[in-house]
Amino acid sequence: VYGDSKIEAEQVVRGLAARGLPVT
């Protein structure tokens, strides 16, 4: 659960980065 959920969370973050969020 933990690792798979963190994958999904990263995908969310990368989607927001594509919309202009300056995230590392």
mmCIF file of all heavy atoms, coordinates in Angstrom:
data_MODEL
# 
_entry.id   MODEL 
# 
loop_
_atom_site.group_PDB 
_atom_site.id 
_atom_site.type_symbol 
_atom_site.label_atom_id 
_atom_site.label_alt_id 
_atom_site.label_comp_id 
_atom_site.label_asym_id 
_atom_site.label_entity_id 
_atom_site.label_seq_id 
_atom_site.pdbx_PDB_ins_code 
_atom_site.Cartn_x 
_atom_site.Cartn_y 
_atom_site.Cartn_z 
_atom_site.occupancy 
_atom_site.B_iso_or_equiv 
_atom_site.pdbx_formal_charge 
_atom_site.auth_seq_id 
_atom_site.auth_comp_id 
_atom_site.auth_asym_id 
_atom_site.auth_atom_id 
_atom_site.pdbx_PDB_model_num 
ATOM 1   N N   . VAL A 1 1  ? 0.820  -1.214 0.000   1.00 0.00 ? 1  VAL A N   1 
ATOM 2   C CA  . VAL A 1 1  ? 0.000  0.000  0.000   1.00 0.00 ? 1  VAL A CA  1 
ATOM 3   C C   . VAL A 1 1  ? 0.852  1.262  0.000   1.00 0.00 ? 1  VAL A C   1 
ATOM 4   O O   . VAL A 1 1  ? 0.609  2.190  -0.789  1.00 0.00 ? 1  VAL A O   1 
ATOM 5   C CB  . VAL A 1 1  ? -0.959 -0.008 1.214   1.00 0.00 ? 1  VAL A CB  1 
ATOM 6   C CG1 . VAL A 1 1  ? -1.671 1.337  1.349   1.00 0.00 ? 1  VAL A CG1 1 
ATOM 7   C CG2 . VAL A 1 1  ? -1.967 -1.130 1.067   1.00 0.00 ? 1  VAL A CG2 1 
ATOM 8   N N   . TYR A 1 2  ? 1.833  1.337  0.868   1.00 0.00 ? 2  TYR A N   1 
ATOM 9   C CA  . TYR A 1 2  ? 2.578  2.589  1.026   1.00 0.00 ? 2  TYR A CA  1 
ATOM 10  C C   . TYR A 1 2  ? 3.304  2.966  -0.268  1.00 0.00 ? 2  TYR A C   1 
ATOM 11  O O   . TYR A 1 2  ? 3.148  4.082  -0.780  1.00 0.00 ? 2  TYR A O   1 
ATOM 12  C CB  . TYR A 1 2  ? 3.571  2.469  2.173   1.00 0.00 ? 2  TYR A CB  1 
ATOM 13  C CG  . TYR A 1 2  ? 4.367  3.734  2.406   1.00 0.00 ? 2  TYR A CG  1 
ATOM 14  C CD1 . TYR A 1 2  ? 3.771  4.857  2.973   1.00 0.00 ? 2  TYR A CD1 1 
ATOM 15  C CD2 . TYR A 1 2  ? 5.707  3.813  2.049   1.00 0.00 ? 2  TYR A CD2 1 
ATOM 16  C CE1 . TYR A 1 2  ? 4.490  6.024  3.191   1.00 0.00 ? 2  TYR A CE1 1 
ATOM 17  C CE2 . TYR A 1 2  ? 6.440  4.969  2.258   1.00 0.00 ? 2  TYR A CE2 1 
ATOM 18  C CZ  . TYR A 1 2  ? 5.834  6.078  2.828   1.00 0.00 ? 2  TYR A CZ  1 
ATOM 19  O OH  . TYR A 1 2  ? 6.543  7.233  3.019   1.00 0.00 ? 2  TYR A OH  1 
ATOM 20  N N   . GLY A 1 3  ? 4.104  2.049  -0.816  1.00 0.00 ? 3  GLY A N   1 
ATOM 21  C CA  . GLY A 1 3  ? 4.865  2.360  -2.021  1.00 0.00 ? 3  GLY A CA  1 
ATOM 22  C C   . GLY A 1 3  ? 3.970  2.668  -3.208  1.00 0.00 ? 3  GLY A C   1 
ATOM 23  O O   . GLY A 1 3  ? 4.208  3.617  -3.960  1.00 0.00 ? 3  GLY A O   1 
ATOM 24  N N   . ASP A 1 4  ? 2.912  1.877  -3.380  1.00 0.00 ? 4  ASP A N   1 
ATOM 25  C CA  . ASP A 1 4  ? 2.010  2.101  -4.515  1.00 0.00 ? 4  ASP A CA  1 
ATOM 26  C C   . ASP A 1 4  ? 1.289  3.441  -4.390  1.00 0.00 ? 4  ASP A C   1 
ATOM 27  O O   . ASP A 1 4  ? 1.066  4.147  -5.385  1.00 0.00 ? 4  ASP A O   1 
ATOM 28  C CB  . ASP A 1 4  ? 0.993  0.969  -4.612  1.00 0.00 ? 4  ASP A CB  1 
ATOM 29  C CG  . ASP A 1 4  ? 1.629  -0.361 -5.010  1.00 0.00 ? 4  ASP A CG  1 
ATOM 30  O OD1 . ASP A 1 4  ? 2.832  -0.374 -5.318  1.00 0.00 ? 4  ASP A OD1 1 
ATOM 31  O OD2 . ASP A 1 4  ? 0.919  -1.384 -5.008  1.00 0.00 ? 4  ASP A OD2 1 
ATOM 32  N N   . SER A 1 5  ? 0.922  3.811  -3.159  1.00 0.00 ? 5  SER A N   1 
ATOM 33  C CA  . SER A 1 5  ? 0.251  5.096  -2.953  1.00 0.00 ? 5  SER A CA  1 
ATOM 34  C C   . SER A 1 5  ? 1.197  6.260  -3.206  1.00 0.00 ? 5  SER A C   1 
ATOM 35  O O   . SER A 1 5  ? 0.789  7.307  -3.723  1.00 0.00 ? 5  SER A O   1 
ATOM 36  C CB  . SER A 1 5  ? -0.310 5.168  -1.535  1.00 0.00 ? 5  SER A CB  1 
ATOM 37  O OG  . SER A 1 5  ? -1.246 4.139  -1.312  1.00 0.00 ? 5  SER A OG  1 
ATOM 38  N N   . LYS A 1 6  ? 2.456  6.082  -2.849  1.00 0.00 ? 6  LYS A N   1 
ATOM 39  C CA  . LYS A 1 6  ? 3.442  7.129  -3.101  1.00 0.00 ? 6  LYS A CA  1 
ATOM 40  C C   . LYS A 1 6  ? 3.679  7.319  -4.608  1.00 0.00 ? 6  LYS A C   1 
ATOM 41  O O   . LYS A 1 6  ? 3.976  8.430  -5.066  1.00 0.00 ? 6  LYS A O   1 
ATOM 42  C CB  . LYS A 1 6  ? 4.756  6.808  -2.390  1.00 0.00 ? 6  LYS A CB  1 
ATOM 43  C CG  . LYS A 1 6  ? 4.724  7.077  -0.897  1.00 0.00 ? 6  LYS A CG  1 
ATOM 44  C CD  . LYS A 1 6  ? 4.590  8.565  -0.612  1.00 0.00 ? 6  LYS A CD  1 
ATOM 45  C CE  . LYS A 1 6  ? 4.875  8.907  0.825   1.00 0.00 ? 6  LYS A CE  1 
ATOM 46  N NZ  . LYS A 1 6  ? 4.835  10.361 1.090   1.00 0.00 ? 6  LYS A NZ  1 
ATOM 47  N N   . ILE A 1 7  ? 3.563  6.248  -5.379  1.00 0.00 ? 7  ILE A N   1 
ATOM 48  C CA  . ILE A 1 7  ? 3.631  6.374  -6.836  1.00 0.00 ? 7  ILE A CA  1 
ATOM 49  C C   . ILE A 1 7  ? 2.497  7.269  -7.324  1.00 0.00 ? 7  ILE A C   1 
ATOM 50  O O   . ILE A 1 7  ? 2.713  8.208  -8.112  1.00 0.00 ? 7  ILE A O   1 
ATOM 51  C CB  . ILE A 1 7  ? 3.554  4.984  -7.508  1.00 0.00 ? 7  ILE A CB  1 
ATOM 52  C CG1 . ILE A 1 7  ? 4.825  4.183  -7.243  1.00 0.00 ? 7  ILE A CG1 1 
ATOM 53  C CG2 . ILE A 1 7  ? 3.321  5.138  -9.022  1.00 0.00 ? 7  ILE A CG2 1 
ATOM 54  C CD1 . ILE A 1 7  ? 4.761  2.745  -7.728  1.00 0.00 ? 7  ILE A CD1 1 
ATOM 55  N N   . GLU A 1 8  ? 1.285  6.988  -6.860  1.00 0.00 ? 8  GLU A N   1 
ATOM 56  C CA  . GLU A 1 8  ? 0.142  7.806  -7.269  1.00 0.00 ? 8  GLU A CA  1 
ATOM 57  C C   . GLU A 1 8  ? 0.311  9.255  -6.836  1.00 0.00 ? 8  GLU A C   1 
ATOM 58  O O   . GLU A 1 8  ? -0.031 10.184 -7.575  1.00 0.00 ? 8  GLU A O   1 
ATOM 59  C CB  . GLU A 1 8  ? -1.145 7.228  -6.685  1.00 0.00 ? 8  GLU A CB  1 
ATOM 60  C CG  . GLU A 1 8  ? -1.564 5.898  -7.277  1.00 0.00 ? 8  GLU A CG  1 
ATOM 61  C CD  . GLU A 1 8  ? -2.922 5.477  -6.755  1.00 0.00 ? 8  GLU A CD  1 
ATOM 62  O OE1 . GLU A 1 8  ? -3.902 6.208  -6.988  1.00 0.00 ? 8  GLU A OE1 1 
ATOM 63  O OE2 . GLU A 1 8  ? -3.003 4.424  -6.095  1.00 0.00 ? 8  GLU A OE2 1 
ATOM 64  N N   . ALA A 1 9  ? 0.838  9.455  -5.626  1.00 0.00 ? 9  ALA A N   1 
ATOM 65  C CA  . ALA A 1 9  ? 1.050  10.821 -5.145  1.00 0.00 ? 9  ALA A CA  1 
ATOM 66  C C   . ALA A 1 9  ? 2.069  11.557 -6.008  1.00 0.00 ? 9  ALA A C   1 
ATOM 67  O O   . ALA A 1 9  ? 1.895  12.740 -6.343  1.00 0.00 ? 9  ALA A O   1 
ATOM 68  C CB  . ALA A 1 9  ? 1.500  10.806 -3.682  1.00 0.00 ? 9  ALA A CB  1 
ATOM 69  N N   . GLU A 1 10 ? 3.133  10.873 -6.401  1.00 0.00 ? 10 GLU A N   1 
ATOM 70  C CA  . GLU A 1 10 ? 4.118  11.487 -7.307  1.00 0.00 ? 10 GLU A CA  1 
ATOM 71  C C   . GLU A 1 10 ? 3.472  11.868 -8.635  1.00 0.00 ? 10 GLU A C   1 
ATOM 72  O O   . GLU A 1 10 ? 3.772  12.921 -9.207  1.00 0.00 ? 10 GLU A O   1 
ATOM 73  C CB  . GLU A 1 10 ? 5.288  10.535 -7.561  1.00 0.00 ? 10 GLU A CB  1 
ATOM 74  C CG  . GLU A 1 10 ? 6.377  10.595 -6.520  1.00 0.00 ? 10 GLU A CG  1 
ATOM 75  C CD  . GLU A 1 10 ? 7.695  10.036 -7.042  1.00 0.00 ? 10 GLU A CD  1 
ATOM 76  O OE1 . GLU A 1 10 ? 7.863  9.949  -8.285  1.00 0.00 ? 10 GLU A OE1 1 
ATOM 77  O OE2 . GLU A 1 10 ? 8.557  9.693  -6.214  1.00 0.00 ? 10 GLU A OE2 1 
ATOM 78  N N   . GLN A 1 11 ? 2.616  11.012 -9.139  1.00 0.00 ? 11 GLN A N   1 
ATOM 79  C CA  . GLN A 1 11 ? 1.951  11.316 -10.407 1.00 0.00 ? 11 GLN A CA  1 
ATOM 80  C C   . GLN A 1 11 ? 1.081  12.559 -10.278 1.00 0.00 ? 11 GLN A C   1 
ATOM 81  O O   . GLN A 1 11 ? 1.012  13.376 -11.204 1.00 0.00 ? 11 GLN A O   1 
ATOM 82  C CB  . GLN A 1 11 ? 1.135  10.107 -10.859 1.00 0.00 ? 11 GLN A CB  1 
ATOM 83  C CG  . GLN A 1 11 ? 2.021  8.923  -11.280 1.00 0.00 ? 11 GLN A CG  1 
ATOM 84  C CD  . GLN A 1 11 ? 1.234  7.644  -11.502 1.00 0.00 ? 11 GLN A CD  1 
ATOM 85  O OE1 . GLN A 1 11 ? 0.192  7.412  -10.879 1.00 0.00 ? 11 GLN A OE1 1 
ATOM 86  N NE2 . GLN A 1 11 ? 1.736  6.781  -12.366 1.00 0.00 ? 11 GLN A NE2 1 
ATOM 87  N N   . VAL A 1 12 ? 0.432  12.706 -9.131  1.00 0.00 ? 12 VAL A N   1 
ATOM 88  C CA  . VAL A 1 12 ? -0.337 13.926 -8.872  1.00 0.00 ? 12 VAL A CA  1 
ATOM 89  C C   . VAL A 1 12 ? 0.587  15.141 -8.894  1.00 0.00 ? 12 VAL A C   1 
ATOM 90  O O   . VAL A 1 12 ? 0.291  16.172 -9.529  1.00 0.00 ? 12 VAL A O   1 
ATOM 91  C CB  . VAL A 1 12 ? -1.060 13.831 -7.510  1.00 0.00 ? 12 VAL A CB  1 
ATOM 92  C CG1 . VAL A 1 12 ? -1.597 15.199 -7.079  1.00 0.00 ? 12 VAL A CG1 1 
ATOM 93  C CG2 . VAL A 1 12 ? -2.183 12.816 -7.574  1.00 0.00 ? 12 VAL A CG2 1 
ATOM 94  N N   . VAL A 1 13 ? 1.723  15.035 -8.212  1.00 0.00 ? 13 VAL A N   1 
ATOM 95  C CA  . VAL A 1 13 ? 2.667  16.157 -8.129  1.00 0.00 ? 13 VAL A CA  1 
ATOM 96  C C   . VAL A 1 13 ? 3.207  16.510 -9.512  1.00 0.00 ? 13 VAL A C   1 
ATOM 97  O O   . VAL A 1 13 ? 3.293  17.690 -9.880  1.00 0.00 ? 13 VAL A O   1 
ATOM 98  C CB  . VAL A 1 13 ? 3.815  15.807 -7.160  1.00 0.00 ? 13 VAL A CB  1 
ATOM 99  C CG1 . VAL A 1 13 ? 4.905  16.869 -7.196  1.00 0.00 ? 13 VAL A CG1 1 
ATOM 100 C CG2 . VAL A 1 13 ? 3.279  15.651 -5.738  1.00 0.00 ? 13 VAL A CG2 1 
ATOM 101 N N   . ARG A 1 14 ? 3.539  15.513 -10.290 1.00 0.00 ? 14 ARG A N   1 
ATOM 102 C CA  . ARG A 1 14 ? 4.063  15.778 -11.635 1.00 0.00 ? 14 ARG A CA  1 
ATOM 103 C C   . ARG A 1 14 ? 2.995  16.406 -12.525 1.00 0.00 ? 14 ARG A C   1 
ATOM 104 O O   . ARG A 1 14 ? 3.307  17.241 -13.380 1.00 0.00 ? 14 ARG A O   1 
ATOM 105 C CB  . ARG A 1 14 ? 4.596  14.475 -12.246 1.00 0.00 ? 14 ARG A CB  1 
ATOM 106 C CG  . ARG A 1 14 ? 5.912  14.043 -11.620 1.00 0.00 ? 14 ARG A CG  1 
ATOM 107 C CD  . ARG A 1 14 ? 6.392  12.735 -12.178 1.00 0.00 ? 14 ARG A CD  1 
ATOM 108 N NE  . ARG A 1 14 ? 7.838  12.611 -12.048 1.00 0.00 ? 14 ARG A NE  1 
ATOM 109 C CZ  . ARG A 1 14 ? 8.538  11.557 -12.453 1.00 0.00 ? 14 ARG A CZ  1 
ATOM 110 N NH1 . ARG A 1 14 ? 7.926  10.535 -13.028 1.00 0.00 ? 14 ARG A NH1 1 
ATOM 111 N NH2 . ARG A 1 14 ? 9.845  11.523 -12.296 1.00 0.00 ? 14 ARG A NH2 1 
ATOM 112 N N   . GLY A 1 15 ? 1.745  15.999 -12.323 1.00 0.00 ? 15 GLY A N   1 
ATOM 113 C CA  . GLY A 1 15 ? 0.671  16.638 -13.075 1.00 0.00 ? 15 GLY A CA  1 
ATOM 114 C C   . GLY A 1 15 ? 0.547  18.113 -12.739 1.00 0.00 ? 15 GLY A C   1 
ATOM 115 O O   . GLY A 1 15 ? 0.333  18.949 -13.627 1.00 0.00 ? 15 GLY A O   1 
ATOM 116 N N   . LEU A 1 16 ? 0.714  18.468 -11.460 1.00 0.00 ? 16 LEU A N   1 
ATOM 117 C CA  . LEU A 1 16 ? 0.675  19.877 -11.053 1.00 0.00 ? 16 LEU A CA  1 
ATOM 118 C C   . LEU A 1 16 ? 1.913  20.621 -11.550 1.00 0.00 ? 16 LEU A C   1 
ATOM 119 O O   . LEU A 1 16 ? 1.823  21.809 -11.899 1.00 0.00 ? 16 LEU A O   1 
ATOM 120 C CB  . LEU A 1 16 ? 0.560  19.982 -9.545  1.00 0.00 ? 16 LEU A CB  1 
ATOM 121 C CG  . LEU A 1 16 ? -0.852 20.009 -8.925  1.00 0.00 ? 16 LEU A CG  1 
ATOM 122 C CD1 . LEU A 1 16 ? -1.578 21.281 -9.300  1.00 0.00 ? 16 LEU A CD1 1 
ATOM 123 C CD2 . LEU A 1 16 ? -1.676 18.797 -9.306  1.00 0.00 ? 16 LEU A CD2 1 
ATOM 124 N N   . ALA A 1 17 ? 3.057  19.932 -11.619 1.00 0.00 ? 17 ALA A N   1 
ATOM 125 C CA  . ALA A 1 17 ? 4.266  20.560 -12.171 1.00 0.00 ? 17 ALA A CA  1 
ATOM 126 C C   . ALA A 1 17 ? 4.045  20.945 -13.631 1.00 0.00 ? 17 ALA A C   1 
ATOM 127 O O   . ALA A 1 17 ? 4.472  22.015 -14.086 1.00 0.00 ? 17 ALA A O   1 
ATOM 128 C CB  . ALA A 1 17 ? 5.458  19.616 -12.041 1.00 0.00 ? 17 ALA A CB  1 
ATOM 129 N N   . ALA A 1 18 ? 3.341  20.082 -14.381 1.00 0.00 ? 18 ALA A N   1 
ATOM 130 C CA  . ALA A 1 18 ? 3.049  20.383 -15.782 1.00 0.00 ? 18 ALA A CA  1 
ATOM 131 C C   . ALA A 1 18 ? 2.123  21.590 -15.920 1.00 0.00 ? 18 ALA A C   1 
ATOM 132 O O   . ALA A 1 18 ? 2.111  22.252 -16.968 1.00 0.00 ? 18 ALA A O   1 
ATOM 133 C CB  . ALA A 1 18 ? 2.423  19.153 -16.447 1.00 0.00 ? 18 ALA A CB  1 
ATOM 134 N N   . ARG A 1 19 ? 1.376  21.890 -14.867 1.00 0.00 ? 19 ARG A N   1 
ATOM 135 C CA  . ARG A 1 19 ? 0.488  23.066 -14.879 1.00 0.00 ? 19 ARG A CA  1 
ATOM 136 C C   . ARG A 1 19 ? 1.169  24.314 -14.316 1.00 0.00 ? 19 ARG A C   1 
ATOM 137 O O   . ARG A 1 19 ? 0.537  25.359 -14.179 1.00 0.00 ? 19 ARG A O   1 
ATOM 138 C CB  . ARG A 1 19 ? -0.768 22.748 -14.069 1.00 0.00 ? 19 ARG A CB  1 
ATOM 139 C CG  . ARG A 1 19 ? -1.681 21.722 -14.738 1.00 0.00 ? 19 ARG A CG  1 
ATOM 140 C CD  . ARG A 1 19 ? -2.754 21.216 -13.784 1.00 0.00 ? 19 ARG A CD  1 
ATOM 141 N NE  . ARG A 1 19 ? -3.490 22.290 -13.111 1.00 0.00 ? 19 ARG A NE  1 
ATOM 142 C CZ  . ARG A 1 19 ? -4.337 22.095 -12.101 1.00 0.00 ? 19 ARG A CZ  1 
ATOM 143 N NH1 . ARG A 1 19 ? -4.543 20.863 -11.650 1.00 0.00 ? 19 ARG A NH1 1 
ATOM 144 N NH2 . ARG A 1 19 ? -4.966 23.109 -11.544 1.00 0.00 ? 19 ARG A NH2 1 
ATOM 145 N N   . GLY A 1 20 ? 2.449  24.186 -13.955 1.00 0.00 ? 20 GLY A N   1 
ATOM 146 C CA  . GLY A 1 20 ? 3.198  25.366 -13.531 1.00 0.00 ? 20 GLY A CA  1 
ATOM 147 C C   . GLY A 1 20 ? 3.650  25.387 -12.091 1.00 0.00 ? 20 GLY A C   1 
ATOM 148 O O   . GLY A 1 20 ? 4.272  26.365 -11.652 1.00 0.00 ? 20 GLY A O   1 
ATOM 149 N N   . LEU A 1 21 ? 3.374  24.328 -11.319 1.00 0.00 ? 21 LEU A N   1 
ATOM 150 C CA  . LEU A 1 21 ? 3.820  24.310 -9.924  1.00 0.00 ? 21 LEU A CA  1 
ATOM 151 C C   . LEU A 1 21 ? 5.326  24.075 -9.871  1.00 0.00 ? 21 LEU A C   1 
ATOM 152 O O   . LEU A 1 21 ? 5.811  23.052 -10.374 1.00 0.00 ? 21 LEU A O   1 
ATOM 153 C CB  . LEU A 1 21 ? 3.089  23.210 -9.146  1.00 0.00 ? 21 LEU A CB  1 
ATOM 154 C CG  . LEU A 1 21 ? 3.418  23.135 -7.652  1.00 0.00 ? 21 LEU A CG  1 
ATOM 155 C CD1 . LEU A 1 21 ? 2.879  24.367 -6.915  1.00 0.00 ? 21 LEU A CD1 1 
ATOM 156 C CD2 . LEU A 1 21 ? 2.850  21.851 -7.032  1.00 0.00 ? 21 LEU A CD2 1 
ATOM 157 N N   . PRO A 1 22 ? 6.108  24.955 -9.252  1.00 0.00 ? 22 PRO A N   1 
ATOM 158 C CA  . PRO A 1 22 ? 7.571  24.806 -9.200  1.00 0.00 ? 22 PRO A CA  1 
ATOM 159 C C   . PRO A 1 22 ? 7.984  23.833 -8.094  1.00 0.00 ? 22 PRO A C   1 
ATOM 160 O O   . PRO A 1 22 ? 8.458  24.222 -7.036  1.00 0.00 ? 22 PRO A O   1 
ATOM 161 C CB  . PRO A 1 22 ? 8.047  26.230 -8.915  1.00 0.00 ? 22 PRO A CB  1 
ATOM 162 C CG  . PRO A 1 22 ? 6.929  26.848 -8.144  1.00 0.00 ? 22 PRO A CG  1 
ATOM 163 C CD  . PRO A 1 22 ? 5.662  26.224 -8.654  1.00 0.00 ? 22 PRO A CD  1 
ATOM 164 N N   . VAL A 1 23 ? 7.826  22.554 -8.359  1.00 0.00 ? 23 VAL A N   1 
ATOM 165 C CA  . VAL A 1 23 ? 8.016  21.538 -7.332  1.00 0.00 ? 23 VAL A CA  1 
ATOM 166 C C   . VAL A 1 23 ? 9.188  20.629 -7.657  1.00 0.00 ? 23 VAL A C   1 
ATOM 167 O O   . VAL A 1 23 ? 9.429  20.278 -8.813  1.00 0.00 ? 23 VAL A O   1 
ATOM 168 C CB  . VAL A 1 23 ? 6.726  20.702 -7.152  1.00 0.00 ? 23 VAL A CB  1 
ATOM 169 C CG1 . VAL A 1 23 ? 6.320  20.008 -8.449  1.00 0.00 ? 23 VAL A CG1 1 
ATOM 170 C CG2 . VAL A 1 23 ? 6.871  19.699 -6.008  1.00 0.00 ? 23 VAL A CG2 1 
ATOM 171 N N   . THR A 1 24 ? 9.940  20.258 -6.623  1.00 0.00 ? 24 THR A N   1 
ATOM 172 C CA  . THR A 1 24 ? 11.020 19.282 -6.726  1.00 0.00 ? 24 THR A CA  1 
ATOM 173 C C   . THR A 1 24 ? 10.659 18.081 -5.869  1.00 0.00 ? 24 THR A C   1 
ATOM 174 O O   . THR A 1 24 ? 10.194 18.241 -4.741  1.00 0.00 ? 24 THR A O   1 
ATOM 175 C CB  . THR A 1 24 ? 12.353 19.879 -6.241  1.00 0.00 ? 24 THR A CB  1 
ATOM 176 O OG1 . THR A 1 24 ? 12.682 21.005 -7.056  1.00 0.00 ? 24 THR A OG1 1 
ATOM 177 C CG2 . THR A 1 24 ? 13.476 18.857 -6.319  1.00 0.00 ? 24 THR A CG2 1 
# 
